[in-house]
Amino acid sequence: MDMRLAGASVLITGASKGIGRAAALAFAAEGCDLHLAARDGAALAEVAAAIRDAHGVAVEVHAMDLSRPESMEALAEAAGDVDVLINNAGDIPAGPIEALTAEDWKRGFDLKVFGYIALSRAVYLRMKRRGSGVIINDIGNSGENWDYNYVAGSTGNAALMAFTRAVGGQSLDHGVRVVAVNPGPIATDRMTKLMKRRAVDLHGDESRWKEFLADYPGGRMGKPEEVADTMVFLASPRAGYISGAIVTIDGGIASYGSIIKPRPHRGEAPET
C-alpha cells in the first residue's frame, strides 16, 4: 500500500538503534528524507550511510545530548520545517521507588518527558504556522499498565499520554495531528536492560531475564519493525483523521493487566 509519504521530511530522535533505527529505515523505504538525532554520532553515521545506500534519500545527522531543553530547541532549528516528528529518545530507569534516587528520576524525565515536550512544542509551533504536520510520541505501555517495579517509567509515560491527548485533541483544527504509540516489550537493547533489572529485583539474578518471555503473548517480545510500520501508517495521509489517539502495540499485555503475571495454562481456569 502506498502511504503517500514520498518526499516528506521526517525528524527522528533516538535514531541510532532500536525502534528509532527501525523507524528511520521504514520511513526511508517510503521515500522520505530524514533528520536523525541521537547522542552517539558514530552510530548515527552508520545508520545514515546504510539508508543512503539502500534508498537514495537525503539524510542529515544531528549528534547531540538531547536531555537539555536548549538542545531540543537547537535541533528543531537545525531540522527546519519537517513534516513528521518522531519523539523516541528516552531512557527512564527501571526499579521500585525505594531503589531510585531523585537524580534517577530527574535524569529520566529530563530526556524523555521534558525532552518530548520541549521538542514537540518547538516543532508544533512551526507546523501550526504552516497548517500541516504530524507528531508521533513513542511512549510505552507502562503508562497504562502501571508497574511498581518501573514506577518512574509508568509515571513519566502516563504524563506523556496525557500530553498527547491534550495537544492532539485540538491540533487538527490547525492542520496538525499529534498521536502516540505505546509499545510493550520490544526486542531492543534497552528492553533487555530493563528485563535484566527486573530479574535482579525479582530473582536476584540478571541471567534469568529470558524466563519472562514465556509469559508474554506468543512467547515473544515485539519487533522494532512492528512499531515502525505503525508509525509510518499514523504519519501518512491514510490516517488523516487520527489525532489525540494512542495505539498500544504490546500483544494484549495492557488489556490483560500485567506485564509478567503468568497466564493460565490451557485447560486451567483463570484467576478471578
C-alpha atoms as a PDB file:
ATOM      1  CA  MET A   1       0.000   0.000   0.000  1.00  0.00           C
ATOM      2  CA  ASP A   2       1.327   3.420  -0.962  1.00  0.00           C
ATOM      3  CA  MET A   3       1.464   5.540   2.191  1.00  0.00           C
ATOM      4  CA  ARG A   4       1.763   8.739   0.107  1.00  0.00           C
ATOM      5  CA  LEU A   5       4.771   9.910   2.127  1.00  0.00           C
ATOM      6  CA  ALA A   6       7.374  10.173  -0.643  1.00  0.00           C
ATOM      7  CA  GLY A   7       9.323  13.418  -0.345  1.00  0.00           C
ATOM      8  CA  ALA A   8       8.209  14.130   3.218  1.00  0.00           C
ATOM      9  CA  SER A   9      10.796  15.328   5.743  1.00  0.00           C
ATOM     10  CA  VAL A  10      10.960  13.293   8.966  1.00  0.00           C
ATOM     11  CA  LEU A  11      12.832  14.104  12.185  1.00  0.00           C
ATOM     12  CA  ILE A  12      13.523  11.096  14.433  1.00  0.00           C
ATOM     13  CA  THR A  13      15.192  11.277  17.840  1.00  0.00           C
ATOM     14  CA  GLY A  14      16.965   8.318  19.392  1.00  0.00           C
ATOM     15  CA  ALA A  15      17.552   7.137  15.829  1.00  0.00           C
ATOM     16  CA  SER A  16      20.848   5.293  16.296  1.00  0.00           C
ATOM     17  CA  LYS A  17      19.330   1.979  17.468  1.00  0.00           C
ATOM     18  CA  GLY A  18      16.205   0.085  18.414  1.00  0.00           C
ATOM     19  CA  ILE A  19      12.812   1.483  17.470  1.00  0.00           C
ATOM     20  CA  GLY A  20      14.328   4.768  16.273  1.00  0.00           C
ATOM     21  CA  ARG A  21      16.611   2.988  13.820  1.00  0.00           C
ATOM     22  CA  ALA A  22      13.742   0.803  12.610  1.00  0.00           C
ATOM     23  CA  ALA A  23      11.611   3.913  12.100  1.00  0.00           C
ATOM     24  CA  ALA A  24      14.373   5.573  10.089  1.00  0.00           C
ATOM     25  CA  LEU A  25      14.582   2.561   7.786  1.00  0.00           C
ATOM     26  CA  ALA A  26      10.805   2.329   7.427  1.00  0.00           C
ATOM     27  CA  PHE A  27      10.336   5.994   6.524  1.00  0.00           C
ATOM     28  CA  ALA A  28      13.315   5.866   4.144  1.00  0.00           C
ATOM     29  CA  ALA A  29      11.672   2.927   2.370  1.00  0.00           C
ATOM     30  CA  GLU A  30       8.661   5.201   1.776  1.00  0.00           C
ATOM     31  CA  GLY A  31      10.918   7.771   0.093  1.00  0.00           C
ATOM     32  CA  CYS A  32      11.146  10.222   2.997  1.00  0.00           C
ATOM     33  CA  ASP A  33      14.125  12.484   3.646  1.00  0.00           C
ATOM     34  CA  LEU A  34      15.431  12.172   7.185  1.00  0.00           C
ATOM     35  CA  HIS A  35      16.877  14.130  10.073  1.00  0.00           C
ATOM     36  CA  LEU A  36      18.302  11.661  12.588  1.00  0.00           C
ATOM     37  CA  ALA A  37      19.278  12.718  16.108  1.00  0.00           C
ATOM     38  CA  ALA A  38      20.976  10.876  18.970  1.00  0.00           C
ATOM     39  CA  ARG A  39      23.927  11.174  21.307  1.00  0.00           C
ATOM     40  CA  ASP A  40      26.071   8.562  19.517  1.00  0.00           C
ATOM     41  CA  GLY A  41      27.382  10.286  16.393  1.00  0.00           C
ATOM     42  CA  ALA A  42      29.276   7.257  15.097  1.00  0.00           C
ATOM     43  CA  ALA A  43      26.216   5.005  15.300  1.00  0.00           C
ATOM     44  CA  LEU A  44      24.108   7.685  13.600  1.00  0.00           C
ATOM     45  CA  ALA A  45      26.628   7.944  10.767  1.00  0.00           C
ATOM     46  CA  GLU A  46      26.438   4.173  10.205  1.00  0.00           C
ATOM     47  CA  VAL A  47      22.646   4.242  10.057  1.00  0.00           C
ATOM     48  CA  ALA A  48      22.670   7.229   7.701  1.00  0.00           C
ATOM     49  CA  ALA A  49      25.168   5.612   5.343  1.00  0.00           C
ATOM     50  CA  ALA A  50      23.154   2.393   5.182  1.00  0.00           C
ATOM     51  CA  ILE A  51      19.968   4.308   4.426  1.00  0.00           C
ATOM     52  CA  ARG A  52      21.540   6.422   1.704  1.00  0.00           C
ATOM     53  CA  ASP A  53      22.945   3.307   0.027  1.00  0.00           C
ATOM     54  CA  ALA A  54      19.677   1.373   0.235  1.00  0.00           C
ATOM     55  CA  HIS A  55      17.122   4.071  -0.531  1.00  0.00           C
ATOM     56  CA  GLY A  56      18.893   7.102  -2.001  1.00  0.00           C
ATOM     57  CA  VAL A  57      17.101   9.603   0.233  1.00  0.00           C
ATOM     58  CA  ALA A  58      18.650  12.639   1.892  1.00  0.00           C
ATOM     59  CA  VAL A  59      19.796  12.029   5.463  1.00  0.00           C
ATOM     60  CA  GLU A  60      21.090  14.642   7.900  1.00  0.00           C
ATOM     61  CA  VAL A  61      22.542  13.588  11.257  1.00  0.00           C
ATOM     62  CA  HIS A  62      22.425  15.603  14.466  1.00  0.00           C
ATOM     63  CA  ALA A  63      24.696  14.193  17.167  1.00  0.00           C
ATOM     64  CA  MET A  64      23.824  15.878  20.462  1.00  0.00           C
ATOM     65  CA  ASP A  65      22.810  15.404  24.069  1.00  0.00           C
ATOM     66  CA  LEU A  66      19.026  15.590  23.930  1.00  0.00           C
ATOM     67  CA  SER A  67      18.460  15.807  27.692  1.00  0.00           C
ATOM     68  CA  ARG A  68      18.658  19.622  27.782  1.00  0.00           C
ATOM     69  CA  PRO A  69      15.807  21.887  26.571  1.00  0.00           C
ATOM     70  CA  GLU A  70      18.253  24.083  24.689  1.00  0.00           C
ATOM     71  CA  SER A  71      19.388  21.031  22.697  1.00  0.00           C
ATOM     72  CA  MET A  72      15.829  20.355  21.602  1.00  0.00           C
ATOM     73  CA  GLU A  73      15.377  23.959  20.530  1.00  0.00           C
ATOM     74  CA  ALA A  74      18.642  23.814  18.582  1.00  0.00           C
ATOM     75  CA  LEU A  75      17.565  20.538  16.947  1.00  0.00           C
ATOM     76  CA  ALA A  76      14.233  21.989  15.868  1.00  0.00           C
ATOM     77  CA  GLU A  77      16.011  24.973  14.356  1.00  0.00           C
ATOM     78  CA  ALA A  78      18.545  22.780  12.537  1.00  0.00           C
ATOM     79  CA  ALA A  79      15.905  20.447  11.112  1.00  0.00           C
ATOM     80  CA  GLY A  80      13.658  23.269   9.945  1.00  0.00           C
ATOM     81  CA  ASP A  81      10.108  22.719   8.721  1.00  0.00           C
ATOM     82  CA  VAL A  82       9.754  18.962   8.976  1.00  0.00           C
ATOM     83  CA  ASP A  83       6.536  17.191   8.017  1.00  0.00           C
ATOM     84  CA  VAL A  84       6.789  14.477  10.676  1.00  0.00           C
ATOM     85  CA  LEU A  85       8.387  14.398  14.122  1.00  0.00           C
ATOM     86  CA  ILE A  86       9.056  11.079  15.854  1.00  0.00           C
ATOM     87  CA  ASN A  87       9.849  11.609  19.544  1.00  0.00           C
ATOM     88  CA  ASN A  88      11.734   8.471  20.506  1.00  0.00           C
ATOM     89  CA  ALA A  89      14.763   9.362  22.652  1.00  0.00           C
ATOM     90  CA  GLY A  90      14.281   8.238  26.231  1.00  0.00           C
ATOM     91  CA  ASP A  91      15.775   6.091  28.956  1.00  0.00           C
ATOM     92  CA  ILE A  92      13.806   6.260  32.206  1.00  0.00           C
ATOM     93  CA  PRO A  93      15.459   3.903  34.713  1.00  0.00           C
ATOM     94  CA  ALA A  94      13.740   0.769  35.983  1.00  0.00           C
ATOM     95  CA  GLY A  95      13.253  -0.171  39.620  1.00  0.00           C
ATOM     96  CA  PRO A  96      10.817   0.299  42.503  1.00  0.00           C
ATOM     97  CA  ILE A  97      10.523   3.616  44.310  1.00  0.00           C
ATOM     98  CA  GLU A  98      12.898   2.641  47.097  1.00  0.00           C
ATOM     99  CA  ALA A  99      15.649   1.837  44.600  1.00  0.00           C
ATOM    100  CA  LEU A 100      15.550   5.133  42.675  1.00  0.00           C
ATOM    101  CA  THR A 101      17.214   8.360  43.727  1.00  0.00           C
ATOM    102  CA  ALA A 102      15.946  11.853  42.991  1.00  0.00           C
ATOM    103  CA  GLU A 103      18.690  12.128  40.388  1.00  0.00           C
ATOM    104  CA  ASP A 104      17.463   8.926  38.685  1.00  0.00           C
ATOM    105  CA  TRP A 105      14.012  10.448  38.313  1.00  0.00           C
ATOM    106  CA  LYS A 106      15.353  13.779  37.107  1.00  0.00           C
ATOM    107  CA  ARG A 107      17.702  12.258  34.545  1.00  0.00           C
ATOM    108  CA  GLY A 108      14.998  10.055  33.066  1.00  0.00           C
ATOM    109  CA  PHE A 109      12.378  12.794  32.962  1.00  0.00           C
ATOM    110  CA  ASP A 110      14.752  15.406  31.509  1.00  0.00           C
ATOM    111  CA  LEU A 111      15.445  13.222  28.478  1.00  0.00           C
ATOM    112  CA  LYS A 112      12.069  11.641  27.837  1.00  0.00           C
ATOM    113  CA  VAL A 113       9.230  13.590  29.437  1.00  0.00           C
ATOM    114  CA  PHE A 114      10.578  17.138  29.253  1.00  0.00           C
ATOM    115  CA  GLY A 115      12.552  16.316  26.106  1.00  0.00           C
ATOM    116  CA  TYR A 116       9.441  15.174  24.223  1.00  0.00           C
ATOM    117  CA  ILE A 117       7.526  18.225  25.408  1.00  0.00           C
ATOM    118  CA  ALA A 118      10.280  20.701  24.516  1.00  0.00           C
ATOM    119  CA  LEU A 119      10.828  19.335  21.006  1.00  0.00           C
ATOM    120  CA  SER A 120       7.108  18.910  20.356  1.00  0.00           C
ATOM    121  CA  ARG A 121       6.489  22.482  21.366  1.00  0.00           C
ATOM    122  CA  ALA A 122       9.191  23.864  19.084  1.00  0.00           C
ATOM    123  CA  VAL A 123       8.123  21.750  16.104  1.00  0.00           C
ATOM    124  CA  TYR A 124       4.387  22.165  16.733  1.00  0.00           C
ATOM    125  CA  LEU A 125       4.641  25.946  16.547  1.00  0.00           C
ATOM    126  CA  ARG A 126       6.255  25.627  13.112  1.00  0.00           C
ATOM    127  CA  MET A 127       3.657  23.102  11.956  1.00  0.00           C
ATOM    128  CA  LYS A 128       0.780  25.214  13.251  1.00  0.00           C
ATOM    129  CA  ARG A 129       2.003  28.271  11.347  1.00  0.00           C
ATOM    130  CA  ARG A 130       2.297  26.145   8.205  1.00  0.00           C
ATOM    131  CA  GLY A 131      -1.033  24.390   8.774  1.00  0.00           C
ATOM    132  CA  SER A 132       0.244  20.817   8.450  1.00  0.00           C
ATOM    133  CA  GLY A 133       2.350  18.172  10.160  1.00  0.00           C
ATOM    134  CA  VAL A 134       2.322  15.063  12.320  1.00  0.00           C
ATOM    135  CA  ILE A 135       3.919  14.465  15.720  1.00  0.00           C
ATOM    136  CA  ILE A 136       4.239  10.875  16.933  1.00  0.00           C
ATOM    137  CA  ASN A 137       5.322  10.176  20.504  1.00  0.00           C
ATOM    138  CA  ASP A 138       6.855   6.763  21.188  1.00  0.00           C
ATOM    139  CA  ILE A 139       5.791   6.337  24.815  1.00  0.00           C
ATOM    140  CA  GLY A 140       5.335   2.837  26.268  1.00  0.00           C
ATOM    141  CA  ASN A 141       2.542   0.670  27.632  1.00  0.00           C
ATOM    142  CA  SER A 142       3.627   1.084  31.260  1.00  0.00           C
ATOM    143  CA  GLY A 143       1.785   4.397  31.097  1.00  0.00           C
ATOM    144  CA  GLU A 144      -1.483   2.449  31.004  1.00  0.00           C
ATOM    145  CA  ASN A 145      -0.276  -0.754  32.713  1.00  0.00           C
ATOM    146  CA  TRP A 146       1.232   0.680  35.895  1.00  0.00           C
ATOM    147  CA  ASP A 147       4.178  -1.223  37.267  1.00  0.00           C
ATOM    148  CA  TYR A 148       5.634  -0.847  40.759  1.00  0.00           C
ATOM    149  CA  ASN A 149       8.991  -2.124  39.513  1.00  0.00           C
ATOM    150  CA  TYR A 150       9.034   0.511  36.765  1.00  0.00           C
ATOM    151  CA  VAL A 151       7.457   3.301  38.774  1.00  0.00           C
ATOM    152  CA  ALA A 152       9.388   6.160  37.158  1.00  0.00           C
ATOM    153  CA  GLY A 153       8.605   4.889  33.676  1.00  0.00           C
ATOM    154  CA  SER A 154       4.924   4.362  34.476  1.00  0.00           C
ATOM    155  CA  THR A 155       4.682   7.880  35.869  1.00  0.00           C
ATOM    156  CA  GLY A 156       6.551   9.547  33.004  1.00  0.00           C
ATOM    157  CA  ASN A 157       4.721   7.599  30.316  1.00  0.00           C
ATOM    158  CA  ALA A 158       1.331   8.403  31.810  1.00  0.00           C
ATOM    159  CA  ALA A 159       2.273  12.093  31.695  1.00  0.00           C
ATOM    160  CA  LEU A 160       3.212  11.813  28.015  1.00  0.00           C
ATOM    161  CA  MET A 161      -0.035  10.029  27.253  1.00  0.00           C
ATOM    162  CA  ALA A 162      -1.928  12.940  28.802  1.00  0.00           C
ATOM    163  CA  PHE A 163       0.247  15.404  26.861  1.00  0.00           C
ATOM    164  CA  THR A 164      -0.501  13.610  23.581  1.00  0.00           C
ATOM    165  CA  ARG A 165      -4.242  13.573  24.181  1.00  0.00           C
ATOM    166  CA  ALA A 166      -4.347  17.185  25.398  1.00  0.00           C
ATOM    167  CA  VAL A 167      -2.492  18.612  22.384  1.00  0.00           C
ATOM    168  CA  GLY A 168      -3.830  16.142  19.838  1.00  0.00           C
ATOM    169  CA  GLY A 169      -7.387  16.813  20.909  1.00  0.00           C
ATOM    170  CA  GLN A 170      -7.190  20.331  19.461  1.00  0.00           C
ATOM    171  CA  SER A 171      -4.305  20.219  16.996  1.00  0.00           C
ATOM    172  CA  LEU A 172      -6.278  19.054  13.958  1.00  0.00           C
ATOM    173  CA  ASP A 173      -8.076  22.416  13.966  1.00  0.00           C
ATOM    174  CA  HIS A 174      -4.694  23.810  12.908  1.00  0.00           C
ATOM    175  CA  GLY A 175      -3.916  21.053  10.384  1.00  0.00           C
ATOM    176  CA  VAL A 176      -1.577  19.181  12.757  1.00  0.00           C
ATOM    177  CA  ARG A 177      -2.055  15.675  14.128  1.00  0.00           C
ATOM    178  CA  VAL A 178      -0.495  14.556  17.434  1.00  0.00           C
ATOM    179  CA  VAL A 179      -0.607  10.847  18.177  1.00  0.00           C
ATOM    180  CA  ALA A 180       1.376   8.222  20.068  1.00  0.00           C
ATOM    181  CA  VAL A 181       2.334   4.574  20.151  1.00  0.00           C
ATOM    182  CA  ASN A 182       2.630   2.562  23.353  1.00  0.00           C
ATOM    183  CA  PRO A 183       4.992  -0.339  22.697  1.00  0.00           C
ATOM    184  CA  GLY A 184       5.180  -3.149  25.206  1.00  0.00           C
ATOM    185  CA  PRO A 185       8.285  -5.316  25.456  1.00  0.00           C
ATOM    186  CA  ILE A 186      10.136  -4.845  22.156  1.00  0.00           C
ATOM    187  CA  ALA A 187      13.307  -6.732  21.278  1.00  0.00           C
ATOM    188  CA  THR A 188      15.826  -3.903  21.739  1.00  0.00           C
ATOM    189  CA  ASP A 189      18.980  -3.439  23.798  1.00  0.00           C
ATOM    190  CA  ARG A 190      17.040  -1.156  26.136  1.00  0.00           C
ATOM    191  CA  MET A 191      14.350  -3.775  26.796  1.00  0.00           C
ATOM    192  CA  THR A 192      16.985  -6.391  27.546  1.00  0.00           C
ATOM    193  CA  LYS A 193      18.491  -3.967  30.053  1.00  0.00           C
ATOM    194  CA  LEU A 194      15.103  -3.428  31.722  1.00  0.00           C
ATOM    195  CA  MET A 195      14.360  -7.143  31.851  1.00  0.00           C
ATOM    196  CA  LYS A 196      17.728  -7.869  33.425  1.00  0.00           C
ATOM    197  CA  ARG A 197      16.968  -5.256  36.074  1.00  0.00           C
ATOM    198  CA  ARG A 198      13.588  -6.878  36.679  1.00  0.00           C
ATOM    199  CA  ALA A 199      15.293 -10.267  37.013  1.00  0.00           C
ATOM    200  CA  VAL A 200      17.574  -8.804  39.675  1.00  0.00           C
ATOM    201  CA  ASP A 201      14.624  -7.274  41.532  1.00  0.00           C
ATOM    202  CA  LEU A 202      12.558 -10.467  41.467  1.00  0.00           C
ATOM    203  CA  HIS A 203      15.152 -13.242  41.445  1.00  0.00           C
ATOM    204  CA  GLY A 204      18.444 -11.646  42.399  1.00  0.00           C
ATOM    205  CA  ASP A 205      19.965 -12.922  39.142  1.00  0.00           C
ATOM    206  CA  GLU A 206      20.003 -10.920  35.886  1.00  0.00           C
ATOM    207  CA  SER A 207      20.758 -14.038  33.805  1.00  0.00           C
ATOM    208  CA  ARG A 208      17.186 -15.224  34.387  1.00  0.00           C
ATOM    209  CA  TRP A 209      15.630 -12.443  32.275  1.00  0.00           C
ATOM    210  CA  LYS A 210      14.697 -14.776  29.401  1.00  0.00           C
ATOM    211  CA  GLU A 211      12.348 -16.653  31.715  1.00  0.00           C
ATOM    212  CA  PHE A 212       9.925 -13.733  31.402  1.00  0.00           C
ATOM    213  CA  LEU A 213       9.414 -14.396  27.683  1.00  0.00           C
ATOM    214  CA  ALA A 214       7.254 -17.432  28.410  1.00  0.00           C
ATOM    215  CA  ASP A 215       4.619 -15.163  29.959  1.00  0.00           C
ATOM    216  CA  TYR A 216       4.461 -12.705  27.046  1.00  0.00           C
ATOM    217  CA  PRO A 217       1.810 -13.028  24.333  1.00  0.00           C
ATOM    218  CA  GLY A 218       3.008 -15.552  21.785  1.00  0.00           C
ATOM    219  CA  GLY A 219       6.012 -16.300  23.977  1.00  0.00           C
ATOM    220  CA  ARG A 220       7.996 -13.439  22.447  1.00  0.00           C
ATOM    221  CA  MET A 221       8.721  -9.746  22.520  1.00  0.00           C
ATOM    222  CA  GLY A 222       7.529  -7.463  19.753  1.00  0.00           C
ATOM    223  CA  LYS A 223       9.771  -6.443  16.882  1.00  0.00           C
ATOM    224  CA  PRO A 224      11.028  -2.878  16.333  1.00  0.00           C
ATOM    225  CA  GLU A 225       9.737  -3.125  12.761  1.00  0.00           C
ATOM    226  CA  GLU A 226       6.197  -3.739  14.032  1.00  0.00           C
ATOM    227  CA  VAL A 227       6.310  -0.429  15.870  1.00  0.00           C
ATOM    228  CA  ALA A 228       7.962   1.376  12.967  1.00  0.00           C
ATOM    229  CA  ASP A 229       5.338   0.212  10.474  1.00  0.00           C
ATOM    230  CA  THR A 230       2.595   1.518  12.757  1.00  0.00           C
ATOM    231  CA  MET A 231       4.362   4.880  12.936  1.00  0.00           C
ATOM    232  CA  VAL A 232       4.531   5.053   9.139  1.00  0.00           C
ATOM    233  CA  PHE A 233       0.786   4.471   8.864  1.00  0.00           C
ATOM    234  CA  LEU A 234      -0.011   7.026  11.568  1.00  0.00           C
ATOM    235  CA  ALA A 235       2.191   9.602   9.837  1.00  0.00           C
ATOM    236  CA  SER A 236       0.565   9.016   6.468  1.00  0.00           C
ATOM    237  CA  PRO A 237      -2.430  10.793   4.909  1.00  0.00           C
ATOM    238  CA  ARG A 238      -4.256   7.461   5.213  1.00  0.00           C
ATOM    239  CA  ALA A 239      -4.508   8.199   8.957  1.00  0.00           C
ATOM    240  CA  GLY A 240      -5.599  11.774   8.329  1.00  0.00           C
ATOM    241  CA  TYR A 241      -8.464  11.780  10.842  1.00  0.00           C
ATOM    242  CA  ILE A 242      -6.496  10.257  13.726  1.00  0.00           C
ATOM    243  CA  SER A 243      -5.336  12.741  16.357  1.00  0.00           C
ATOM    244  CA  GLY A 244      -5.099  12.643  20.134  1.00  0.00           C
ATOM    245  CA  ALA A 245      -5.053   8.851  19.907  1.00  0.00           C
ATOM    246  CA  ILE A 246      -2.625   6.299  21.330  1.00  0.00           C
ATOM    247  CA  VAL A 247      -2.030   2.930  19.664  1.00  0.00           C
ATOM    248  CA  THR A 248      -0.866   0.192  22.023  1.00  0.00           C
ATOM    249  CA  ILE A 249       1.491  -2.367  20.479  1.00  0.00           C
ATOM    250  CA  ASP A 250       2.022  -4.993  23.156  1.00  0.00           C
ATOM    251  CA  GLY A 251       0.271  -8.182  22.049  1.00  0.00           C
ATOM    252  CA  GLY A 252      -2.515  -7.520  24.553  1.00  0.00           C
ATOM    253  CA  ILE A 253      -0.449  -7.126  27.735  1.00  0.00           C
ATOM    254  CA  ALA A 254      -2.121  -3.892  28.847  1.00  0.00           C
ATOM    255  CA  SER A 255      -5.552  -5.399  28.222  1.00  0.00           C
ATOM    256  CA  TYR A 256      -4.551  -8.478  30.182  1.00  0.00           C
ATOM    257  CA  GLY A 257      -3.475  -6.241  33.034  1.00  0.00           C
ATOM    258  CA  SER A 258       0.092  -7.308  33.814  1.00  0.00           C
ATOM    259  CA  ILE A 259       3.483  -7.392  32.179  1.00  0.00           C
ATOM    260  CA  ILE A 260       4.785 -10.599  33.730  1.00  0.00           C
ATOM    261  CA  LYS A 261       1.851 -12.219  35.556  1.00  0.00           C
ATOM    262  CA  PRO A 262       1.764 -15.887  34.473  1.00  0.00           C
ATOM    263  CA  ARG A 263      -1.099 -16.719  32.149  1.00  0.00           C
ATOM    264  CA  PRO A 264      -3.293 -19.755  32.879  1.00  0.00           C
ATOM    265  CA  HIS A 265      -2.177 -22.862  31.062  1.00  0.00           C
ATOM    266  CA  ARG A 266      -4.531 -24.321  28.503  1.00  0.00           C
ATOM    267  CA  GLY A 267      -7.331 -26.144  30.274  1.00  0.00           C
ATOM    268  CA  GLU A 268      -6.889 -24.277  33.567  1.00  0.00           C
ATOM    269  CA  ALA A 269      -9.359 -21.731  34.867  1.00  0.00           C
ATOM    270  CA  PRO A 270      -8.057 -18.150  35.041  1.00  0.00           C
ATOM    271  CA  GLU A 271      -7.745 -16.348  38.337  1.00  0.00           C
ATOM    272  CA  THR A 272     -10.694 -14.184  39.365  1.00  0.00           C
END
